[in-house]
Amino acid sequence: MADSETEVDVEEAGPDNTGAEENLTEEAVKEKIDQEVLQTIPVTITVQVGRASLKIRDLLKLTQGSVVELDRIAGEPLDLLVNNTVVAQGEIVLVNERYGIRLTRVIPATDRMKNI
């Protein structure tokens, strides 16, 4: 009997409370997210010049003036990462005596999803 009363309550509640939220399309969910909130979330942007793999004994030998060889060839595009995910590639530029990156390729979302 309690179950039937609950069903009556839901029906009486009207169209706003009939479980319609469960049937929301992905697009409708996106519309519910406040864009201003998303735009204020901080992200970390990193430019990756290259990588190197060293043994700890070699790392301990490094001193001022040491050179660590990276895995990239000179002139090869650098990676732009957002929260540790590669989203673009580019080249180094100088902007008012500061380093910057000119984007030469934006990685499509479909390509980023393959690497996860």
C-alpha atoms as a PDB file:
ATOM      1  CA  MET A   1       0.000   0.000   0.000  1.00  0.00           C
ATOM      2  CA  ALA A   2       2.842   2.397   0.745  1.00  0.00           C
ATOM      3  CA  ASP A   3       4.194   1.799  -2.767  1.00  0.00           C
ATOM      4  CA  SER A   4       0.969   2.854  -4.438  1.00  0.00           C
ATOM      5  CA  GLU A   5       0.844   6.002  -2.309  1.00  0.00           C
ATOM      6  CA  THR A   6       4.349   6.885  -3.460  1.00  0.00           C
ATOM      7  CA  GLU A   7       3.325   6.419  -7.074  1.00  0.00           C
ATOM      8  CA  VAL A   8       0.343   8.715  -6.570  1.00  0.00           C
ATOM      9  CA  ASP A   9       2.604  11.342  -4.991  1.00  0.00           C
ATOM     10  CA  VAL A  10       4.937  11.256  -7.989  1.00  0.00           C
ATOM     11  CA  GLU A  11       2.083  11.561 -10.459  1.00  0.00           C
ATOM     12  CA  GLU A  12       0.563  14.405  -8.498  1.00  0.00           C
ATOM     13  CA  ALA A  13       3.901  16.188  -8.438  1.00  0.00           C
ATOM     14  CA  GLY A  14       3.503  16.912 -12.151  1.00  0.00           C
ATOM     15  CA  PRO A  15       5.902  16.819 -15.084  1.00  0.00           C
ATOM     16  CA  ASP A  16       8.762  18.491 -13.214  1.00  0.00           C
ATOM     17  CA  ASN A  17       9.278  15.554 -10.859  1.00  0.00           C
ATOM     18  CA  THR A  18       8.559  12.416 -12.892  1.00  0.00           C
ATOM     19  CA  GLY A  19      12.093  11.149 -13.373  1.00  0.00           C
ATOM     20  CA  ALA A  20      12.670  13.252 -16.471  1.00  0.00           C
ATOM     21  CA  GLU A  21      16.194  14.007 -15.243  1.00  0.00           C
ATOM     22  CA  GLU A  22      17.147  10.391 -15.917  1.00  0.00           C
ATOM     23  CA  ASN A  23      16.211  10.839 -19.589  1.00  0.00           C
ATOM     24  CA  LEU A  24      18.240  14.012 -20.200  1.00  0.00           C
ATOM     25  CA  THR A  25      20.277  13.998 -23.359  1.00  0.00           C
ATOM     26  CA  GLU A  26      23.985  14.700 -23.201  1.00  0.00           C
ATOM     27  CA  GLU A  27      23.324  18.085 -24.791  1.00  0.00           C
ATOM     28  CA  ALA A  28      20.805  18.987 -22.083  1.00  0.00           C
ATOM     29  CA  VAL A  29      23.315  18.083 -19.386  1.00  0.00           C
ATOM     30  CA  LYS A  30      25.896  20.348 -21.002  1.00  0.00           C
ATOM     31  CA  GLU A  31      23.394  23.187 -20.957  1.00  0.00           C
ATOM     32  CA  LYS A  32      22.885  22.724 -17.210  1.00  0.00           C
ATOM     33  CA  ILE A  33      26.577  23.338 -16.433  1.00  0.00           C
ATOM     34  CA  ASP A  34      27.150  27.006 -15.717  1.00  0.00           C
ATOM     35  CA  GLN A  35      29.665  28.216 -18.301  1.00  0.00           C
ATOM     36  CA  GLU A  36      30.929  30.993 -16.004  1.00  0.00           C
ATOM     37  CA  VAL A  37      31.872  28.421 -13.385  1.00  0.00           C
ATOM     38  CA  LEU A  38      33.809  26.370 -15.934  1.00  0.00           C
ATOM     39  CA  GLN A  39      35.623  29.436 -17.232  1.00  0.00           C
ATOM     40  CA  THR A  40      36.970  30.280 -13.767  1.00  0.00           C
ATOM     41  CA  ILE A  41      38.484  26.838 -13.050  1.00  0.00           C
ATOM     42  CA  PRO A  42      42.280  27.151 -13.023  1.00  0.00           C
ATOM     43  CA  VAL A  43      44.298  24.822 -15.229  1.00  0.00           C
ATOM     44  CA  THR A  44      48.034  24.199 -15.412  1.00  0.00           C
ATOM     45  CA  ILE A  45      49.657  24.824 -18.788  1.00  0.00           C
ATOM     46  CA  THR A  46      53.054  23.266 -19.441  1.00  0.00           C
ATOM     47  CA  VAL A  47      55.334  23.432 -22.470  1.00  0.00           C
ATOM     48  CA  GLN A  48      57.371  20.268 -22.853  1.00  0.00           C
ATOM     49  CA  VAL A  49      60.668  20.718 -24.659  1.00  0.00           C
ATOM     50  CA  GLY A  50      61.614  17.060 -24.381  1.00  0.00           C
ATOM     51  CA  ARG A  51      62.347  14.197 -22.006  1.00  0.00           C
ATOM     52  CA  ALA A  52      65.340  12.318 -20.759  1.00  0.00           C
ATOM     53  CA  SER A  53      65.697   9.109 -18.797  1.00  0.00           C
ATOM     54  CA  LEU A  54      68.584   8.892 -16.338  1.00  0.00           C
ATOM     55  CA  LYS A  55      69.709   6.441 -13.718  1.00  0.00           C
ATOM     56  CA  ILE A  56      69.908   7.877 -10.234  1.00  0.00           C
ATOM     57  CA  ARG A  57      73.728   7.566 -10.211  1.00  0.00           C
ATOM     58  CA  ASP A  58      73.868   9.730 -13.372  1.00  0.00           C
ATOM     59  CA  LEU A  59      71.400  12.203 -11.886  1.00  0.00           C
ATOM     60  CA  LEU A  60      73.583  12.580  -8.794  1.00  0.00           C
ATOM     61  CA  LYS A  61      76.569  13.439 -11.009  1.00  0.00           C
ATOM     62  CA  LEU A  62      74.823  16.490 -12.500  1.00  0.00           C
ATOM     63  CA  THR A  63      76.340  19.830 -11.536  1.00  0.00           C
ATOM     64  CA  GLN A  64      75.997  23.399 -12.682  1.00  0.00           C
ATOM     65  CA  GLY A  65      76.909  23.476 -16.369  1.00  0.00           C
ATOM     66  CA  SER A  66      75.998  19.815 -16.989  1.00  0.00           C
ATOM     67  CA  VAL A  67      74.077  19.093 -20.188  1.00  0.00           C
ATOM     68  CA  VAL A  68      71.177  16.644 -20.267  1.00  0.00           C
ATOM     69  CA  GLU A  69      70.383  15.416 -23.769  1.00  0.00           C
ATOM     70  CA  LEU A  70      66.661  15.367 -24.548  1.00  0.00           C
ATOM     71  CA  ASP A  71      64.759  13.054 -26.853  1.00  0.00           C
ATOM     72  CA  ARG A  72      63.747  15.787 -29.322  1.00  0.00           C
ATOM     73  CA  ILE A  73      65.538  16.923 -32.426  1.00  0.00           C
ATOM     74  CA  ALA A  74      66.264  20.663 -32.737  1.00  0.00           C
ATOM     75  CA  GLY A  75      63.402  22.364 -34.569  1.00  0.00           C
ATOM     76  CA  GLU A  76      60.885  19.659 -33.685  1.00  0.00           C
ATOM     77  CA  PRO A  77      57.561  21.039 -32.343  1.00  0.00           C
ATOM     78  CA  LEU A  78      57.141  21.386 -28.590  1.00  0.00           C
ATOM     79  CA  ASP A  79      54.115  19.963 -26.774  1.00  0.00           C
ATOM     80  CA  LEU A  80      51.602  22.207 -25.014  1.00  0.00           C
ATOM     81  CA  LEU A  81      49.969  20.331 -22.136  1.00  0.00           C
ATOM     82  CA  VAL A  82      46.887  21.339 -20.168  1.00  0.00           C
ATOM     83  CA  ASN A  83      46.651  19.445 -16.886  1.00  0.00           C
ATOM     84  CA  ASN A  84      49.167  16.901 -18.226  1.00  0.00           C
ATOM     85  CA  THR A  85      47.243  16.278 -21.470  1.00  0.00           C
ATOM     86  CA  VAL A  86      48.824  17.249 -24.805  1.00  0.00           C
ATOM     87  CA  VAL A  87      46.396  19.625 -26.536  1.00  0.00           C
ATOM     88  CA  ALA A  88      48.641  21.384 -29.062  1.00  0.00           C
ATOM     89  CA  GLN A  89      52.129  21.685 -30.506  1.00  0.00           C
ATOM     90  CA  GLY A  90      54.103  24.769 -31.325  1.00  0.00           C
ATOM     91  CA  GLU A  91      57.367  26.634 -31.518  1.00  0.00           C
ATOM     92  CA  ILE A  92      59.145  28.947 -29.096  1.00  0.00           C
ATOM     93  CA  VAL A  93      58.844  32.696 -29.688  1.00  0.00           C
ATOM     94  CA  LEU A  94      60.016  35.764 -27.764  1.00  0.00           C
ATOM     95  CA  VAL A  95      57.352  38.202 -26.579  1.00  0.00           C
ATOM     96  CA  ASN A  96      58.704  41.337 -24.850  1.00  0.00           C
ATOM     97  CA  GLU A  97      61.797  39.477 -23.611  1.00  0.00           C
ATOM     98  CA  ARG A  98      59.697  36.538 -22.361  1.00  0.00           C
ATOM     99  CA  TYR A  99      59.322  33.099 -23.870  1.00  0.00           C
ATOM    100  CA  GLY A 100      56.042  32.174 -25.508  1.00  0.00           C
ATOM    101  CA  ILE A 101      54.737  29.433 -27.748  1.00  0.00           C
ATOM    102  CA  ARG A 102      53.191  29.913 -31.191  1.00  0.00           C
ATOM    103  CA  LEU A 103      50.722  27.107 -31.774  1.00  0.00           C
ATOM    104  CA  THR A 104      51.311  25.292 -35.029  1.00  0.00           C
ATOM    105  CA  ARG A 105      48.949  22.357 -34.491  1.00  0.00           C
ATOM    106  CA  VAL A 106      45.961  21.786 -32.231  1.00  0.00           C
ATOM    107  CA  ILE A 107      45.493  18.128 -31.379  1.00  0.00           C
ATOM    108  CA  PRO A 108      41.921  17.000 -32.196  1.00  0.00           C
ATOM    109  CA  ALA A 109      39.932  15.704 -29.216  1.00  0.00           C
ATOM    110  CA  THR A 110      39.559  12.320 -30.928  1.00  0.00           C
ATOM    111  CA  ASP A 111      43.359  11.917 -31.011  1.00  0.00           C
ATOM    112  CA  ARG A 112      43.659  12.923 -27.331  1.00  0.00           C
ATOM    113  CA  MET A 113      41.079  10.321 -26.311  1.00  0.00           C
ATOM    114  CA  LYS A 114      43.129   7.533 -27.963  1.00  0.00           C
ATOM    115  CA  ASN A 115      46.037   8.250 -25.600  1.00  0.00           C
ATOM    116  CA  ILE A 116      43.997   7.868 -22.417  1.00  0.00           C
END
